[in-house]
Amino acid sequence: MDRLREIIAIILLAAILGGGAFYAFKLANRKQVESAQISALQKQVADLQKKLGIVSADQKTLSDTEAQNRQVIHQKSQDQLLTEAVAKVSPSVASIVISKEVPNLTVTYENPFGNDPFFKNFGYQVPVYHQNGTTLKKVGAGTGFIITSDGYILTNRHVVNDQTAQYTALLSDGSQKAAKVIYIDQNNDIAIVKIDGKFTPAILGDSTSLQLGQSVIAIGNALGEYNNSVSVGIISGLNRTITASDAANGSTEQLTGIIQTDAAINPGNSGGPLLDLNGNVMGINVATVQGSNSISFSIPINTVKTIIKQVIGK
């Protein structure tokens, strides 16, 4: 009898404990469901606030901080891109000096009537110039950039158009090389000259990828005095048609498909490269509007790629 009572007591205790465990399981499961429901509601509220433009103070502070950090990072990246692009291309940029044999002149003052006895005592004399040989002197300057490792240089036709002149390429390392004109394109204001040696060429980009507002860099021999001068601007216009004039010989020409930029391009910059932020050549600087506020022009590099291949086979 006592044994039977013990067995019944054990069965009842097991039933009570089992029921308690089941209840505890149901309670825990209910809390999980409620927690999941609360999380879902919080997400719905956050999505609704986002749609309505409602931002909490904490979120706004975080957003402002992130925006400032991104701006700093972007600015730093922009500066790095500029300096890296210039460092990459500068060794390939050459100042082209134009020299000519200039007469050495002396002046004397003489009676314009010669030995005519009637005028010999008039006391009137005029200057008369006499040539005493010639001297090779610098008469102008432009810019070009190396496009092959064996020394071919791309520049403007109007920089090297004088067949009686001599041309010298001044390189960024201070060396000087005699330059020989290989090709002149009268229609596109493009020329190719050659110097001897081995060099690092500039990389030619794809000018069809240019977009309005894109940052660009111009490098050149500004005013014929300041070689490898750098200026920065944006693409102000594409596919322009301009009429350019050459003050040296009074000629004019019409150029089409031209890039407009507000990067400073001064006399002497002609023939220099217009670069993107990757240091790729996008154009050849060709002209500026005198008296304007930063309106300059470049020939798209894609215009000359076919010519380069035809002339030098590369």
C-alpha atoms as a PDB file:
ATOM      1  CA  MET A   1       0.000   0.000   0.000  1.00  0.00           C
ATOM      2  CA  ASP A   2       2.778   2.412   0.904  1.00  0.00           C
ATOM      3  CA  ARG A   3       4.524   1.487  -2.323  1.00  0.00           C
ATOM      4  CA  LEU A   4       1.383   2.295  -4.334  1.00  0.00           C
ATOM      5  CA  ARG A   5       1.065   5.683  -2.666  1.00  0.00           C
ATOM      6  CA  GLU A   6       4.671   6.504  -3.588  1.00  0.00           C
ATOM      7  CA  ILE A   7       4.042   5.642  -7.235  1.00  0.00           C
ATOM      8  CA  ILE A   8       0.895   7.833  -7.366  1.00  0.00           C
ATOM      9  CA  ALA A   9       2.759  10.727  -5.738  1.00  0.00           C
ATOM     10  CA  ILE A  10       5.558  10.474  -8.310  1.00  0.00           C
ATOM     11  CA  ILE A  11       3.040  10.459 -11.204  1.00  0.00           C
ATOM     12  CA  LEU A  12       1.231  13.541  -9.852  1.00  0.00           C
ATOM     13  CA  LEU A  13       4.515  15.412  -9.337  1.00  0.00           C
ATOM     14  CA  ALA A  14       5.654  14.617 -12.871  1.00  0.00           C
ATOM     15  CA  ALA A  15       2.327  15.879 -14.250  1.00  0.00           C
ATOM     16  CA  ILE A  16       2.618  19.127 -12.274  1.00  0.00           C
ATOM     17  CA  LEU A  17       6.237  19.716 -13.359  1.00  0.00           C
ATOM     18  CA  GLY A  18       5.449  18.925 -17.002  1.00  0.00           C
ATOM     19  CA  GLY A  19       2.565  21.335 -17.030  1.00  0.00           C
ATOM     20  CA  GLY A  20       4.741  24.055 -15.475  1.00  0.00           C
ATOM     21  CA  ALA A  21       7.414  23.545 -18.108  1.00  0.00           C
ATOM     22  CA  PHE A  22       4.815  23.723 -20.878  1.00  0.00           C
ATOM     23  CA  TYR A  23       3.417  26.933 -19.401  1.00  0.00           C
ATOM     24  CA  ALA A  24       6.909  28.410 -19.148  1.00  0.00           C
ATOM     25  CA  PHE A  25       7.549  27.502 -22.786  1.00  0.00           C
ATOM     26  CA  LYS A  26       4.305  29.169 -23.883  1.00  0.00           C
ATOM     27  CA  LEU A  27       5.168  32.286 -21.897  1.00  0.00           C
ATOM     28  CA  ALA A  28       8.664  32.523 -23.384  1.00  0.00           C
ATOM     29  CA  ASN A  29       7.304  31.997 -26.882  1.00  0.00           C
ATOM     30  CA  ARG A  30       4.693  34.725 -26.332  1.00  0.00           C
ATOM     31  CA  LYS A  31       7.396  37.185 -25.259  1.00  0.00           C
ATOM     32  CA  GLN A  32       9.390  36.416 -28.415  1.00  0.00           C
ATOM     33  CA  VAL A  33       6.345  37.017 -30.582  1.00  0.00           C
ATOM     34  CA  GLU A  34       5.590  40.298 -28.789  1.00  0.00           C
ATOM     35  CA  SER A  35       9.238  41.406 -29.171  1.00  0.00           C
ATOM     36  CA  ALA A  36       9.161  40.628 -32.894  1.00  0.00           C
ATOM     37  CA  GLN A  37       5.889  42.550 -33.263  1.00  0.00           C
ATOM     38  CA  ILE A  38       7.369  45.586 -31.453  1.00  0.00           C
ATOM     39  CA  SER A  39      10.454  45.535 -33.719  1.00  0.00           C
ATOM     40  CA  ALA A  40       8.250  45.365 -36.810  1.00  0.00           C
ATOM     41  CA  LEU A  41       6.194  48.339 -35.603  1.00  0.00           C
ATOM     42  CA  GLN A  42       9.365  50.368 -34.884  1.00  0.00           C
ATOM     43  CA  LYS A  43      10.620  49.688 -38.401  1.00  0.00           C
ATOM     44  CA  GLN A  44       7.298  50.762 -39.907  1.00  0.00           C
ATOM     45  CA  VAL A  45       7.394  54.019 -37.900  1.00  0.00           C
ATOM     46  CA  ALA A  46      10.991  54.712 -39.024  1.00  0.00           C
ATOM     47  CA  ASP A  47      10.074  54.087 -42.677  1.00  0.00           C
ATOM     48  CA  LEU A  48       7.085  56.412 -42.359  1.00  0.00           C
ATOM     49  CA  GLN A  49       9.260  59.143 -40.793  1.00  0.00           C
ATOM     50  CA  LYS A  50      11.730  58.804 -43.628  1.00  0.00           C
ATOM     51  CA  LYS A  51       9.004  59.194 -46.239  1.00  0.00           C
ATOM     52  CA  LEU A  52       7.603  62.243 -44.473  1.00  0.00           C
ATOM     53  CA  GLY A  53      11.034  63.798 -43.981  1.00  0.00           C
ATOM     54  CA  ILE A  54      10.872  63.529 -40.191  1.00  0.00           C
ATOM     55  CA  VAL A  55      14.338  63.023 -38.687  1.00  0.00           C
ATOM     56  CA  SER A  56      15.111  62.684 -35.009  1.00  0.00           C
ATOM     57  CA  ALA A  57      17.689  64.972 -33.398  1.00  0.00           C
ATOM     58  CA  ASP A  58      20.136  62.082 -32.997  1.00  0.00           C
ATOM     59  CA  GLN A  59      19.697  61.028 -36.601  1.00  0.00           C
ATOM     60  CA  LYS A  60      20.136  64.621 -37.846  1.00  0.00           C
ATOM     61  CA  THR A  61      23.356  65.068 -35.904  1.00  0.00           C
ATOM     62  CA  LEU A  62      24.672  61.805 -37.275  1.00  0.00           C
ATOM     63  CA  SER A  63      23.665  62.744 -40.852  1.00  0.00           C
ATOM     64  CA  ASP A  64      25.338  66.165 -40.611  1.00  0.00           C
ATOM     65  CA  THR A  65      28.531  64.601 -39.263  1.00  0.00           C
ATOM     66  CA  GLU A  66      28.587  62.000 -42.014  1.00  0.00           C
ATOM     67  CA  ALA A  67      28.043  64.713 -44.644  1.00  0.00           C
ATOM     68  CA  GLN A  68      30.925  66.792 -43.264  1.00  0.00           C
ATOM     69  CA  ASN A  69      33.211  63.774 -43.173  1.00  0.00           C
ATOM     70  CA  ARG A  70      32.318  62.858 -46.736  1.00  0.00           C
ATOM     71  CA  GLN A  71      32.967  66.431 -47.876  1.00  0.00           C
ATOM     72  CA  VAL A  72      36.405  66.426 -46.243  1.00  0.00           C
ATOM     73  CA  ILE A  73      37.232  63.065 -47.799  1.00  0.00           C
ATOM     74  CA  HIS A  74      36.017  64.272 -51.231  1.00  0.00           C
ATOM     75  CA  GLN A  75      38.046  67.473 -50.990  1.00  0.00           C
ATOM     76  CA  LYS A  76      41.153  65.562 -50.012  1.00  0.00           C
ATOM     77  CA  SER A  77      40.610  63.136 -52.846  1.00  0.00           C
ATOM     78  CA  GLN A  78      40.173  66.001 -55.333  1.00  0.00           C
ATOM     79  CA  ASP A  79      43.432  67.635 -54.234  1.00  0.00           C
ATOM     80  CA  GLN A  80      45.253  64.332 -54.444  1.00  0.00           C
ATOM     81  CA  LEU A  81      43.899  63.661 -57.923  1.00  0.00           C
ATOM     82  CA  LEU A  82      45.025  67.087 -59.127  1.00  0.00           C
ATOM     83  CA  THR A  83      48.557  66.830 -57.781  1.00  0.00           C
ATOM     84  CA  GLU A  84      48.953  63.234 -58.937  1.00  0.00           C
ATOM     85  CA  ALA A  85      47.729  64.085 -62.451  1.00  0.00           C
ATOM     86  CA  VAL A  86      50.170  66.994 -62.731  1.00  0.00           C
ATOM     87  CA  ALA A  87      53.074  64.910 -61.422  1.00  0.00           C
ATOM     88  CA  LYS A  88      52.183  62.161 -63.882  1.00  0.00           C
ATOM     89  CA  VAL A  89      52.158  64.346 -67.006  1.00  0.00           C
ATOM     90  CA  SER A  90      54.684  67.125 -66.284  1.00  0.00           C
ATOM     91  CA  PRO A  91      57.698  65.041 -67.406  1.00  0.00           C
ATOM     92  CA  SER A  92      56.014  64.657 -70.804  1.00  0.00           C
ATOM     93  CA  VAL A  93      55.375  68.384 -71.338  1.00  0.00           C
ATOM     94  CA  ALA A  94      57.919  70.392 -73.338  1.00  0.00           C
ATOM     95  CA  SER A  95      58.319  74.122 -73.860  1.00  0.00           C
ATOM     96  CA  ILE A  96      59.016  74.801 -77.536  1.00  0.00           C
ATOM     97  CA  VAL A  97      61.289  77.794 -78.091  1.00  0.00           C
ATOM     98  CA  ILE A  98      61.222  79.500 -81.493  1.00  0.00           C
ATOM     99  CA  SER A  99      64.519  81.052 -82.611  1.00  0.00           C
ATOM    100  CA  LYS A 100      65.509  82.919 -85.765  1.00  0.00           C
ATOM    101  CA  GLU A 101      68.568  84.544 -87.257  1.00  0.00           C
ATOM    102  CA  VAL A 102      68.024  88.219 -86.484  1.00  0.00           C
ATOM    103  CA  PRO A 103      70.127  90.862 -88.313  1.00  0.00           C
ATOM    104  CA  ASN A 104      72.681  92.783 -86.281  1.00  0.00           C
ATOM    105  CA  LEU A 105      71.955  96.380 -87.164  1.00  0.00           C
ATOM    106  CA  THR A 106      73.959  99.545 -86.661  1.00  0.00           C
ATOM    107  CA  VAL A 107      72.622 103.017 -87.285  1.00  0.00           C
ATOM    108  CA  THR A 108      74.214 106.105 -88.774  1.00  0.00           C
ATOM    109  CA  TYR A 109      72.659 109.497 -89.463  1.00  0.00           C
ATOM    110  CA  GLU A 110      73.080 110.773 -92.989  1.00  0.00           C
ATOM    111  CA  ASN A 111      71.946 113.541 -95.253  1.00  0.00           C
ATOM    112  CA  PRO A 112      69.001 112.135 -97.204  1.00  0.00           C
ATOM    113  CA  PHE A 113      70.025 114.181-100.234  1.00  0.00           C
ATOM    114  CA  GLY A 114      73.458 112.694-100.423  1.00  0.00           C
ATOM    115  CA  ASN A 115      76.159 114.938-101.861  1.00  0.00           C
ATOM    116  CA  ASP A 116      73.824 117.343-103.578  1.00  0.00           C
ATOM    117  CA  PRO A 117      75.599 120.706-103.090  1.00  0.00           C
ATOM    118  CA  PHE A 118      72.307 122.542-102.812  1.00  0.00           C
ATOM    119  CA  PHE A 119      71.222 120.548 -99.720  1.00  0.00           C
ATOM    120  CA  LYS A 120      74.547 119.699 -98.128  1.00  0.00           C
ATOM    121  CA  ASN A 121      74.333 122.479 -95.577  1.00  0.00           C
ATOM    122  CA  PHE A 122      70.692 121.956 -94.734  1.00  0.00           C
ATOM    123  CA  GLY A 123      71.610 120.248 -91.479  1.00  0.00           C
ATOM    124  CA  TYR A 124      68.906 117.644 -91.969  1.00  0.00           C
ATOM    125  CA  GLN A 125      69.818 113.980 -91.333  1.00  0.00           C
ATOM    126  CA  VAL A 126      67.903 110.740 -91.168  1.00  0.00           C
ATOM    127  CA  PRO A 127      68.830 107.382 -89.480  1.00  0.00           C
ATOM    128  CA  VAL A 128      70.158 104.749 -91.837  1.00  0.00           C
ATOM    129  CA  TYR A 129      70.456 101.125 -90.656  1.00  0.00           C
ATOM    130  CA  HIS A 130      73.294  98.841 -91.744  1.00  0.00           C
ATOM    131  CA  GLN A 131      73.359  95.078 -91.234  1.00  0.00           C
ATOM    132  CA  ASN A 132      76.440  93.594 -89.648  1.00  0.00           C
ATOM    133  CA  GLY A 133      75.811  89.851 -89.726  1.00  0.00           C
ATOM    134  CA  THR A 134      73.055  87.984 -87.833  1.00  0.00           C
ATOM    135  CA  THR A 135      72.443  86.571 -84.357  1.00  0.00           C
ATOM    136  CA  LEU A 136      70.211  83.632 -83.406  1.00  0.00           C
ATOM    137  CA  LYS A 137      67.572  84.981 -80.990  1.00  0.00           C
ATOM    138  CA  LYS A 138      64.415  83.743 -79.336  1.00  0.00           C
ATOM    139  CA  VAL A 139      61.395  85.223 -81.111  1.00  0.00           C
ATOM    140  CA  GLY A 140      58.549  83.192 -79.577  1.00  0.00           C
ATOM    141  CA  ALA A 141      57.535  80.123 -77.601  1.00  0.00           C
ATOM    142  CA  GLY A 142      54.802  77.532 -77.303  1.00  0.00           C
ATOM    143  CA  THR A 143      54.146  74.156 -75.725  1.00  0.00           C
ATOM    144  CA  GLY A 144      53.966  70.525 -76.777  1.00  0.00           C
ATOM    145  CA  PHE A 145      53.772  67.112 -75.148  1.00  0.00           C
ATOM    146  CA  ILE A 146      55.546  63.842 -75.849  1.00  0.00           C
ATOM    147  CA  ILE A 147      53.270  61.173 -77.323  1.00  0.00           C
ATOM    148  CA  THR A 148      55.762  58.324 -77.938  1.00  0.00           C
ATOM    149  CA  SER A 149      58.727  56.969 -76.011  1.00  0.00           C
ATOM    150  CA  ASP A 150      61.056  57.734 -78.948  1.00  0.00           C
ATOM    151  CA  GLY A 151      60.415  61.487 -78.854  1.00  0.00           C
ATOM    152  CA  TYR A 152      57.492  62.479 -81.071  1.00  0.00           C
ATOM    153  CA  ILE A 153      55.836  65.643 -79.734  1.00  0.00           C
ATOM    154  CA  LEU A 154      52.336  66.896 -80.482  1.00  0.00           C
ATOM    155  CA  THR A 155      51.780  70.663 -80.673  1.00  0.00           C
ATOM    156  CA  ASN A 156      49.866  73.323 -82.617  1.00  0.00           C
ATOM    157  CA  ARG A 157      50.603  74.109 -86.234  1.00  0.00           C
ATOM    158  CA  HIS A 158      50.809  77.836 -85.513  1.00  0.00           C
ATOM    159  CA  VAL A 159      53.610  77.195 -82.973  1.00  0.00           C
ATOM    160  CA  VAL A 160      55.993  75.703 -85.579  1.00  0.00           C
ATOM    161  CA  ASN A 161      54.658  77.138 -88.836  1.00  0.00           C
ATOM    162  CA  ASP A 162      57.694  79.330 -89.635  1.00  0.00           C
ATOM    163  CA  GLN A 163      59.929  77.322 -91.953  1.00  0.00           C
ATOM    164  CA  THR A 164      62.797  79.785 -91.487  1.00  0.00           C
ATOM    165  CA  ALA A 165      62.865  79.341 -87.705  1.00  0.00           C
ATOM    166  CA  GLN A 166      64.688  76.872 -85.498  1.00  0.00           C
ATOM    167  CA  TYR A 167      62.878  74.982 -82.716  1.00  0.00           C
ATOM    168  CA  THR A 168      64.174  73.734 -79.386  1.00  0.00           C
ATOM    169  CA  ALA A 169      62.286  71.579 -76.866  1.00  0.00           C
ATOM    170  CA  LEU A 170      62.977  72.443 -73.231  1.00  0.00           C
ATOM    171  CA  LEU A 171      62.119  69.453 -71.036  1.00  0.00           C
ATOM    172  CA  SER A 172      61.046  69.389 -67.393  1.00  0.00           C
ATOM    173  CA  ASP A 173      64.421  67.978 -66.302  1.00  0.00           C
ATOM    174  CA  GLY A 174      66.188  71.059 -67.670  1.00  0.00           C
ATOM    175  CA  SER A 175      67.576  69.405 -70.809  1.00  0.00           C
ATOM    176  CA  GLN A 176      67.270  70.948 -74.262  1.00  0.00           C
ATOM    177  CA  LYS A 177      66.683  69.073 -77.500  1.00  0.00           C
ATOM    178  CA  ALA A 178      66.721  70.296 -81.089  1.00  0.00           C
ATOM    179  CA  ALA A 179      63.257  69.717 -82.549  1.00  0.00           C
ATOM    180  CA  LYS A 180      62.526  68.859 -86.179  1.00  0.00           C
ATOM    181  CA  VAL A 181      59.098  69.539 -87.682  1.00  0.00           C
ATOM    182  CA  ILE A 182      57.736  66.255 -89.071  1.00  0.00           C
ATOM    183  CA  TYR A 183      54.129  67.079 -89.928  1.00  0.00           C
ATOM    184  CA  ILE A 184      51.875  70.127 -90.211  1.00  0.00           C
ATOM    185  CA  ASP A 185      48.070  69.983 -90.583  1.00  0.00           C
ATOM    186  CA  GLN A 186      46.799  73.306 -91.866  1.00  0.00           C
ATOM    187  CA  ASN A 187      43.140  72.394 -91.357  1.00  0.00           C
ATOM    188  CA  ASN A 188      43.243  71.324 -87.712  1.00  0.00           C
ATOM    189  CA  ASP A 189      46.090  73.484 -86.340  1.00  0.00           C
ATOM    190  CA  ILE A 190      48.050  70.361 -85.427  1.00  0.00           C
ATOM    191  CA  ALA A 191      51.752  69.637 -85.842  1.00  0.00           C
ATOM    192  CA  ILE A 192      54.179  66.882 -84.872  1.00  0.00           C
ATOM    193  CA  VAL A 193      57.857  67.470 -84.115  1.00  0.00           C
ATOM    194  CA  LYS A 194      60.626  64.999 -83.270  1.00  0.00           C
ATOM    195  CA  ILE A 195      63.427  65.038 -80.713  1.00  0.00           C
ATOM    196  CA  ASP A 196      66.059  62.396 -80.090  1.00  0.00           C
ATOM    197  CA  GLY A 197      66.093  60.250 -76.973  1.00  0.00           C
ATOM    198  CA  LYS A 198      63.920  58.017 -74.831  1.00  0.00           C
ATOM    199  CA  PHE A 199      61.074  59.580 -72.858  1.00  0.00           C
ATOM    200  CA  THR A 200      57.906  58.923 -70.882  1.00  0.00           C
ATOM    201  CA  PRO A 201      54.940  59.737 -73.127  1.00  0.00           C
ATOM    202  CA  ALA A 202      51.656  61.231 -71.991  1.00  0.00           C
ATOM    203  CA  ILE A 203      48.608  58.960 -72.051  1.00  0.00           C
ATOM    204  CA  LEU A 204      45.943  59.939 -74.579  1.00  0.00           C
ATOM    205  CA  GLY A 205      42.395  59.696 -73.212  1.00  0.00           C
ATOM    206  CA  ASP A 206      38.968  59.550 -74.837  1.00  0.00           C
ATOM    207  CA  SER A 207      37.651  63.076 -75.383  1.00  0.00           C
ATOM    208  CA  THR A 208      34.179  61.774 -76.263  1.00  0.00           C
ATOM    209  CA  SER A 209      33.714  60.956 -72.573  1.00  0.00           C
ATOM    210  CA  LEU A 210      34.018  64.609 -71.492  1.00  0.00           C
ATOM    211  CA  GLN A 211      31.024  66.137 -69.715  1.00  0.00           C
ATOM    212  CA  LEU A 212      30.009  69.702 -68.922  1.00  0.00           C
ATOM    213  CA  GLY A 213      31.276  70.757 -65.517  1.00  0.00           C
ATOM    214  CA  GLN A 214      34.013  68.126 -65.443  1.00  0.00           C
ATOM    215  CA  SER A 215      37.291  69.257 -63.838  1.00  0.00           C
ATOM    216  CA  VAL A 216      40.274  69.650 -66.173  1.00  0.00           C
ATOM    217  CA  ILE A 217      43.898  70.789 -65.928  1.00  0.00           C
ATOM    218  CA  ALA A 218      45.948  72.817 -68.411  1.00  0.00           C
ATOM    219  CA  ILE A 219      49.764  72.697 -68.441  1.00  0.00           C
ATOM    220  CA  GLY A 220      51.940  74.914 -70.602  1.00  0.00           C
ATOM    221  CA  ASN A 221      54.624  77.528 -71.126  1.00  0.00           C
ATOM    222  CA  ALA A 222      52.512  80.499 -70.000  1.00  0.00           C
ATOM    223  CA  LEU A 223      53.415  83.754 -71.780  1.00  0.00           C
ATOM    224  CA  GLY A 224      56.446  81.963 -73.193  1.00  0.00           C
ATOM    225  CA  GLU A 225      58.245  82.558 -69.885  1.00  0.00           C
ATOM    226  CA  TYR A 226      56.806  80.229 -67.227  1.00  0.00           C
ATOM    227  CA  ASN A 227      57.207  76.645 -68.386  1.00  0.00           C
ATOM    228  CA  ASN A 228      54.995  73.911 -66.942  1.00  0.00           C
ATOM    229  CA  SER A 229      52.531  76.412 -65.483  1.00  0.00           C
ATOM    230  CA  VAL A 230      49.398  74.680 -64.173  1.00  0.00           C
ATOM    231  CA  SER A 231      45.843  75.995 -64.199  1.00  0.00           C
ATOM    232  CA  VAL A 232      42.622  74.257 -63.190  1.00  0.00           C
ATOM    233  CA  GLY A 233      39.057  74.707 -64.408  1.00  0.00           C
ATOM    234  CA  ILE A 234      36.048  72.895 -65.795  1.00  0.00           C
ATOM    235  CA  ILE A 235      34.609  71.967 -69.161  1.00  0.00           C
ATOM    236  CA  SER A 236      32.494  74.998 -70.056  1.00  0.00           C
ATOM    237  CA  GLY A 237      31.247  73.833 -73.435  1.00  0.00           C
ATOM    238  CA  LEU A 238      31.575  71.110 -76.061  1.00  0.00           C
ATOM    239  CA  ASN A 239      31.446  70.998 -79.865  1.00  0.00           C
ATOM    240  CA  ARG A 240      32.157  74.712 -80.255  1.00  0.00           C
ATOM    241  CA  THR A 241      33.011  76.315 -83.598  1.00  0.00           C
ATOM    242  CA  ILE A 242      35.555  79.131 -83.381  1.00  0.00           C
ATOM    243  CA  THR A 243      37.506  81.404 -85.701  1.00  0.00           C
ATOM    244  CA  ALA A 244      41.071  81.661 -84.445  1.00  0.00           C
ATOM    245  CA  SER A 245      43.574  84.254 -85.619  1.00  0.00           C
ATOM    246  CA  ASP A 246      47.368  84.147 -85.565  1.00  0.00           C
ATOM    247  CA  ALA A 247      48.748  87.575 -84.700  1.00  0.00           C
ATOM    248  CA  ALA A 248      52.201  86.580 -85.951  1.00  0.00           C
ATOM    249  CA  ASN A 249      51.172  86.304 -89.600  1.00  0.00           C
ATOM    250  CA  GLY A 250      47.642  87.715 -89.592  1.00  0.00           C
ATOM    251  CA  SER A 251      46.042  84.439 -90.728  1.00  0.00           C
ATOM    252  CA  THR A 252      42.696  83.094 -89.509  1.00  0.00           C
ATOM    253  CA  GLU A 253      41.176  79.631 -89.430  1.00  0.00           C
ATOM    254  CA  GLN A 254      37.882  78.038 -88.434  1.00  0.00           C
ATOM    255  CA  LEU A 255      37.997  75.115 -86.007  1.00  0.00           C
ATOM    256  CA  THR A 256      35.007  72.860 -85.281  1.00  0.00           C
ATOM    257  CA  GLY A 257      34.151  70.374 -82.529  1.00  0.00           C
ATOM    258  CA  ILE A 258      36.238  72.371 -80.052  1.00  0.00           C
ATOM    259  CA  ILE A 259      36.279  72.041 -76.243  1.00  0.00           C
ATOM    260  CA  GLN A 260      35.622  75.212 -74.236  1.00  0.00           C
ATOM    261  CA  THR A 261      37.161  75.545 -70.767  1.00  0.00           C
ATOM    262  CA  ASP A 262      37.613  78.220 -68.117  1.00  0.00           C
ATOM    263  CA  ALA A 263      41.073  76.883 -67.197  1.00  0.00           C
ATOM    264  CA  ALA A 264      43.526  79.728 -67.818  1.00  0.00           C
ATOM    265  CA  ILE A 265      45.242  79.312 -71.206  1.00  0.00           C
ATOM    266  CA  ASN A 266      47.646  82.142 -71.949  1.00  0.00           C
ATOM    267  CA  PRO A 267      49.824  82.919 -74.979  1.00  0.00           C
ATOM    268  CA  GLY A 268      52.587  80.336 -74.889  1.00  0.00           C
ATOM    269  CA  ASN A 269      50.208  77.610 -73.663  1.00  0.00           C
ATOM    270  CA  SER A 270      49.341  76.758 -77.268  1.00  0.00           C
ATOM    271  CA  GLY A 271      50.027  73.106 -77.993  1.00  0.00           C
ATOM    272  CA  GLY A 272      49.972  72.035 -74.340  1.00  0.00           C
ATOM    273  CA  PRO A 273      47.760  69.268 -72.944  1.00  0.00           C
ATOM    274  CA  LEU A 274      44.319  69.582 -71.381  1.00  0.00           C
ATOM    275  CA  LEU A 275      44.028  66.773 -68.809  1.00  0.00           C
ATOM    276  CA  ASP A 276      41.333  65.014 -66.837  1.00  0.00           C
ATOM    277  CA  LEU A 277      41.855  64.173 -63.160  1.00  0.00           C
ATOM    278  CA  ASN A 278      43.374  60.810 -64.103  1.00  0.00           C
ATOM    279  CA  GLY A 279      46.187  62.577 -65.961  1.00  0.00           C
ATOM    280  CA  ASN A 280      44.914  61.544 -69.408  1.00  0.00           C
ATOM    281  CA  VAL A 281      45.206  64.027 -72.282  1.00  0.00           C
ATOM    282  CA  MET A 282      41.740  65.097 -73.414  1.00  0.00           C
ATOM    283  CA  GLY A 283      42.672  68.012 -75.644  1.00  0.00           C
ATOM    284  CA  ILE A 284      45.367  70.243 -77.154  1.00  0.00           C
ATOM    285  CA  ASN A 285      45.157  73.844 -75.953  1.00  0.00           C
ATOM    286  CA  VAL A 286      44.794  76.043 -79.001  1.00  0.00           C
ATOM    287  CA  ALA A 287      43.292  79.482 -78.330  1.00  0.00           C
ATOM    288  CA  THR A 288      41.901  81.966 -75.856  1.00  0.00           C
ATOM    289  CA  VAL A 289      39.578  84.939 -76.246  1.00  0.00           C
ATOM    290  CA  GLN A 290      41.668  88.041 -75.615  1.00  0.00           C
ATOM    291  CA  GLY A 291      40.085  90.340 -73.041  1.00  0.00           C
ATOM    292  CA  SER A 292      37.616  87.677 -71.909  1.00  0.00           C
ATOM    293  CA  ASN A 293      37.120  86.243 -68.447  1.00  0.00           C
ATOM    294  CA  SER A 294      38.502  82.701 -68.766  1.00  0.00           C
ATOM    295  CA  ILE A 295      37.184  81.593 -72.149  1.00  0.00           C
ATOM    296  CA  SER A 296      39.683  79.255 -73.791  1.00  0.00           C
ATOM    297  CA  PHE A 297      39.589  76.375 -76.243  1.00  0.00           C
ATOM    298  CA  SER A 298      41.196  72.986 -76.877  1.00  0.00           C
ATOM    299  CA  ILE A 299      41.182  70.572 -79.807  1.00  0.00           C
ATOM    300  CA  PRO A 300      39.715  67.181 -78.728  1.00  0.00           C
ATOM    301  CA  ILE A 301      42.419  64.528 -78.607  1.00  0.00           C
ATOM    302  CA  ASN A 302      40.231  62.084 -80.543  1.00  0.00           C
ATOM    303  CA  THR A 303      40.467  64.466 -83.504  1.00  0.00           C
ATOM    304  CA  VAL A 304      44.186  63.776 -83.844  1.00  0.00           C
ATOM    305  CA  LYS A 305      44.480  60.098 -82.945  1.00  0.00           C
ATOM    306  CA  THR A 306      43.970  58.998 -86.540  1.00  0.00           C
ATOM    307  CA  ILE A 307      46.458  61.609 -87.775  1.00  0.00           C
ATOM    308  CA  ILE A 308      49.068  60.424 -85.265  1.00  0.00           C
ATOM    309  CA  LYS A 309      48.689  56.848 -86.436  1.00  0.00           C
ATOM    310  CA  GLN A 310      48.969  57.871 -90.104  1.00  0.00           C
ATOM    311  CA  VAL A 311      52.037  60.038 -89.565  1.00  0.00           C
ATOM    312  CA  ILE A 312      54.122  57.933 -87.180  1.00  0.00           C
ATOM    313  CA  GLY A 313      52.317  54.595 -87.313  1.00  0.00           C
ATOM    314  CA  LYS A 314      51.622  54.453 -83.564  1.00  0.00           C
END
